[in-house]
């Protein structure tokens, strides 16, 4: 018997000193858009653990920190100039 694939196969757990919340998404693109908005928005969260459903279970995909998001945003703004 195998586990059934969830309708939202991407899951993010946001953590920080004052927050811990889990959200699910239908695509990798939506997952990362949420992470950029959450970690780049100056809120209390500082880490996002991303998991993907594959092969009948949740797999750790990546862990992203607020410093990585801010560095990417700074680089993006610099290349737009």
N, C-alpha and C. Protein backbone atom coordinates (compact mmCIF):
# COMPACT_ATOMS: atom_id res chain seq x y z
N UNK A 1 0.84 -1.18 0.00
CA UNK A 1 0.00 0.00 0.00
C UNK A 1 0.88 1.24 0.00
N UNK A 2 0.65 2.15 -0.92
CA UNK A 2 1.44 3.38 -0.97
C UNK A 2 0.59 4.56 -0.52
N UNK A 3 1.27 5.56 0.00
CA UNK A 3 0.57 6.77 0.44
C UNK A 3 0.11 7.55 -0.78
N UNK A 4 -1.02 8.18 -0.66
CA UNK A 4 -1.60 8.95 -1.75
C UNK A 4 -0.93 10.33 -1.84
N UNK A 5 -0.64 10.75 -3.06
CA UNK A 5 0.01 12.04 -3.28
C UNK A 5 -0.95 13.17 -2.88
N UNK A 6 -0.47 14.13 -2.06
CA UNK A 6 -1.33 15.24 -1.68
C UNK A 6 -1.57 16.19 -2.85
N UNK A 7 -2.64 16.95 -2.80
CA UNK A 7 -2.96 17.89 -3.88
C UNK A 7 -1.96 19.05 -3.92
N UNK A 8 -1.31 19.29 -2.80
CA UNK A 8 -0.27 20.34 -2.73
C UNK A 8 1.03 19.67 -2.29
N UNK A 9 1.85 19.23 -3.28
CA UNK A 9 3.02 18.43 -2.96
C UNK A 9 4.26 19.20 -2.50
N UNK A 10 4.12 20.49 -2.25
CA UNK A 10 5.22 21.29 -1.70
C UNK A 10 4.78 21.82 -0.35
N UNK A 11 5.67 21.73 0.65
CA UNK A 11 5.34 22.16 2.00
C UNK A 11 6.49 22.99 2.55
N UNK A 12 6.15 24.10 3.20
CA UNK A 12 7.15 24.99 3.78
C UNK A 12 6.83 25.19 5.26
N UNK A 13 7.84 25.04 6.09
CA UNK A 13 7.70 25.36 7.50
C UNK A 13 8.58 26.57 7.77
N UNK A 14 7.92 27.67 8.13
CA UNK A 14 8.60 28.93 8.44
C UNK A 14 8.84 28.96 9.95
N UNK A 15 10.07 29.29 10.34
CA UNK A 15 10.37 29.38 11.77
C UNK A 15 11.16 30.64 12.08
N UNK A 16 11.10 31.03 13.32
CA UNK A 16 11.82 32.17 13.84
C UNK A 16 11.60 32.24 15.33
N UNK A 17 12.15 33.27 15.98
CA UNK A 17 12.01 33.37 17.43
C UNK A 17 10.55 33.45 17.91
N UNK A 18 9.68 34.03 17.09
CA UNK A 18 8.30 34.24 17.51
C UNK A 18 7.27 33.56 16.61
N UNK A 19 7.73 32.68 15.72
CA UNK A 19 6.80 32.11 14.74
C UNK A 19 7.21 30.69 14.35
N UNK A 20 6.19 29.87 14.11
CA UNK A 20 6.36 28.57 13.45
C UNK A 20 5.04 28.26 12.77
N UNK A 21 5.11 28.17 11.44
CA UNK A 21 3.90 27.93 10.66
C UNK A 21 4.23 27.09 9.44
N UNK A 22 3.28 26.26 9.05
CA UNK A 22 3.46 25.41 7.88
C UNK A 22 2.39 25.74 6.85
N UNK A 23 2.82 25.84 5.59
CA UNK A 23 1.91 26.11 4.47
C UNK A 23 2.22 25.13 3.35
N UNK A 24 1.21 24.80 2.56
CA UNK A 24 1.38 23.87 1.44
C UNK A 24 1.09 24.59 0.13
N UNK A 25 1.74 24.12 -0.95
CA UNK A 25 1.61 24.76 -2.26
C UNK A 25 1.53 23.73 -3.36
N UNK A 26 0.98 24.17 -4.51
CA UNK A 26 0.80 23.28 -5.65
C UNK A 26 2.03 23.22 -6.55
N UNK A 27 2.94 24.19 -6.44
CA UNK A 27 4.11 24.19 -7.33
C UNK A 27 5.34 24.75 -6.62
N UNK A 28 6.49 24.43 -7.19
CA UNK A 28 7.75 24.95 -6.68
C UNK A 28 7.78 26.48 -6.81
N UNK A 29 7.27 27.00 -7.92
CA UNK A 29 7.25 28.44 -8.16
C UNK A 29 6.46 29.18 -7.07
N UNK A 30 5.29 28.68 -6.73
CA UNK A 30 4.47 29.30 -5.69
C UNK A 30 5.14 29.19 -4.32
N UNK A 31 5.82 28.08 -4.10
CA UNK A 31 6.53 27.87 -2.84
C UNK A 31 7.60 28.95 -2.65
N UNK A 32 8.42 29.16 -3.67
CA UNK A 32 9.49 30.14 -3.54
C UNK A 32 8.99 31.58 -3.53
N UNK A 33 7.89 31.85 -4.21
CA UNK A 33 7.29 33.20 -4.14
C UNK A 33 6.86 33.49 -2.70
N UNK A 34 6.26 32.51 -2.05
CA UNK A 34 5.85 32.66 -0.65
C UNK A 34 7.06 32.88 0.25
N UNK A 35 8.12 32.12 0.03
CA UNK A 35 9.33 32.26 0.85
C UNK A 35 9.95 33.64 0.66
N UNK A 36 10.05 34.10 -0.58
CA UNK A 36 10.62 35.44 -0.82
C UNK A 36 9.80 36.52 -0.12
N UNK A 37 8.48 36.40 -0.18
CA UNK A 37 7.61 37.40 0.46
C UNK A 37 7.70 37.32 1.98
N UNK A 38 7.76 36.12 2.51
CA UNK A 38 7.77 35.94 3.96
C UNK A 38 9.11 36.31 4.58
N UNK A 39 10.19 35.77 4.03
CA UNK A 39 11.50 36.04 4.63
C UNK A 39 12.06 37.39 4.22
N UNK A 40 11.66 37.88 3.06
CA UNK A 40 12.18 39.16 2.59
C UNK A 40 11.36 40.35 3.06
N UNK A 41 10.27 40.09 3.75
CA UNK A 41 9.36 41.16 4.14
C UNK A 41 9.64 41.79 5.49
N UNK A 42 10.69 41.38 6.17
CA UNK A 42 11.03 41.99 7.44
C UNK A 42 10.24 41.47 8.64
N UNK A 43 9.57 40.34 8.50
CA UNK A 43 8.80 39.77 9.60
C UNK A 43 9.68 38.99 10.57
N UNK A 44 9.06 38.30 11.52
CA UNK A 44 9.82 37.60 12.55
C UNK A 44 10.44 36.27 12.10
N UNK A 45 10.07 35.76 10.94
CA UNK A 45 10.60 34.48 10.47
C UNK A 45 12.03 34.64 9.98
N UNK A 46 12.86 33.61 10.22
CA UNK A 46 14.24 33.68 9.73
C UNK A 46 14.69 32.45 8.95
N UNK A 47 13.86 31.41 8.91
CA UNK A 47 14.24 30.18 8.21
C UNK A 47 13.01 29.54 7.58
N UNK A 48 13.21 28.97 6.40
CA UNK A 48 12.15 28.21 5.73
C UNK A 48 12.69 26.84 5.37
N UNK A 49 12.02 25.81 5.85
CA UNK A 49 12.38 24.42 5.50
C UNK A 49 11.39 23.96 4.44
N UNK A 50 11.90 23.58 3.28
CA UNK A 50 11.06 23.19 2.15
C UNK A 50 11.09 21.67 2.01
N UNK A 51 9.90 21.10 1.87
CA UNK A 51 9.78 19.66 1.65
C UNK A 51 8.95 19.41 0.40
N UNK A 52 9.26 18.32 -0.28
CA UNK A 52 8.52 17.93 -1.48
C UNK A 52 8.03 16.50 -1.31
N UNK A 53 6.79 16.25 -1.71
CA UNK A 53 6.22 14.90 -1.66
C UNK A 53 6.69 14.14 -2.89
N UNK A 54 7.35 13.04 -2.68
CA UNK A 54 7.77 12.21 -3.80
C UNK A 54 8.00 10.79 -3.32
N UNK A 55 7.61 9.85 -4.13
CA UNK A 55 7.82 8.45 -3.80
C UNK A 55 7.09 7.99 -2.55
N UNK A 56 5.96 8.62 -2.27
CA UNK A 56 5.15 8.19 -1.14
C UNK A 56 5.50 8.80 0.20
N UNK A 57 6.39 9.81 0.20
CA UNK A 57 6.71 10.45 1.48
C UNK A 57 7.26 11.86 1.27
N UNK A 58 7.32 12.62 2.36
CA UNK A 58 7.89 13.97 2.32
C UNK A 58 9.41 13.89 2.39
N UNK A 59 10.07 14.60 1.48
CA UNK A 59 11.53 14.66 1.44
C UNK A 59 11.98 16.09 1.70
N UNK A 60 13.05 16.24 2.48
CA UNK A 60 13.63 17.57 2.68
C UNK A 60 14.21 18.02 1.35
N UNK A 61 13.79 19.18 0.87
CA UNK A 61 14.23 19.69 -0.42
C UNK A 61 15.33 20.72 -0.24
N UNK A 62 15.11 21.69 0.67
CA UNK A 62 16.08 22.76 0.89
C UNK A 62 15.70 23.53 2.14
N UNK A 63 16.69 24.13 2.77
CA UNK A 63 16.46 25.07 3.85
C UNK A 63 17.00 26.42 3.40
N UNK A 64 16.18 27.46 3.52
CA UNK A 64 16.54 28.80 3.08
C UNK A 64 16.49 29.73 4.29
N UNK A 65 17.47 30.62 4.41
CA UNK A 65 17.50 31.57 5.51
C UNK A 65 17.17 32.97 5.02
N UNK A 66 16.81 33.83 5.96
CA UNK A 66 16.50 35.21 5.64
C UNK A 66 17.71 35.92 5.01
N UNK A 67 18.91 35.58 5.44
CA UNK A 67 20.11 36.19 4.86
C UNK A 67 20.27 35.85 3.38
N UNK A 68 19.94 34.61 3.01
CA UNK A 68 20.02 34.20 1.60
C UNK A 68 19.01 34.96 0.75
N UNK A 69 17.81 35.13 1.27
CA UNK A 69 16.77 35.86 0.53
C UNK A 69 17.15 37.32 0.37
N UNK A 70 17.61 37.94 1.43
CA UNK A 70 18.00 39.36 1.35
C UNK A 70 19.18 39.56 0.41
N UNK A 71 20.14 38.65 0.43
CA UNK A 71 21.28 38.74 -0.48
C UNK A 71 20.82 38.62 -1.93
N UNK A 72 19.89 37.71 -2.19
CA UNK A 72 19.36 37.53 -3.55
C UNK A 72 18.58 38.77 -3.99
N UNK A 73 17.81 39.36 -3.07
CA UNK A 73 17.05 40.57 -3.41
C UNK A 73 17.99 41.74 -3.70
N UNK A 74 19.06 41.86 -2.95
CA UNK A 74 20.04 42.92 -3.17
C UNK A 74 20.72 42.74 -4.52
N UNK A 75 21.11 41.53 -4.84
CA UNK A 75 21.73 41.22 -6.12
C UNK A 75 20.77 41.51 -7.27
N UNK A 76 19.51 41.15 -7.09
CA UNK A 76 18.50 41.40 -8.12
C UNK A 76 18.32 42.89 -8.36
N UNK A 77 18.27 43.66 -7.28
CA UNK A 77 18.11 45.12 -7.43
C UNK A 77 19.32 45.74 -8.09
N UNK A 78 20.53 45.25 -7.78
CA UNK A 78 21.76 45.77 -8.36
C UNK A 78 21.82 45.50 -9.86
N UNK A 79 21.33 44.36 -10.30
CA UNK A 79 21.39 44.04 -11.73
C UNK A 79 20.31 44.77 -12.53
N UNK A 80 19.27 45.27 -11.85
CA UNK A 80 18.22 46.01 -12.53
C UNK A 80 18.63 47.45 -12.85
N UNK A 81 19.65 47.94 -12.16
CA UNK A 81 20.08 49.34 -12.34
C UNK A 81 20.82 49.56 -13.63
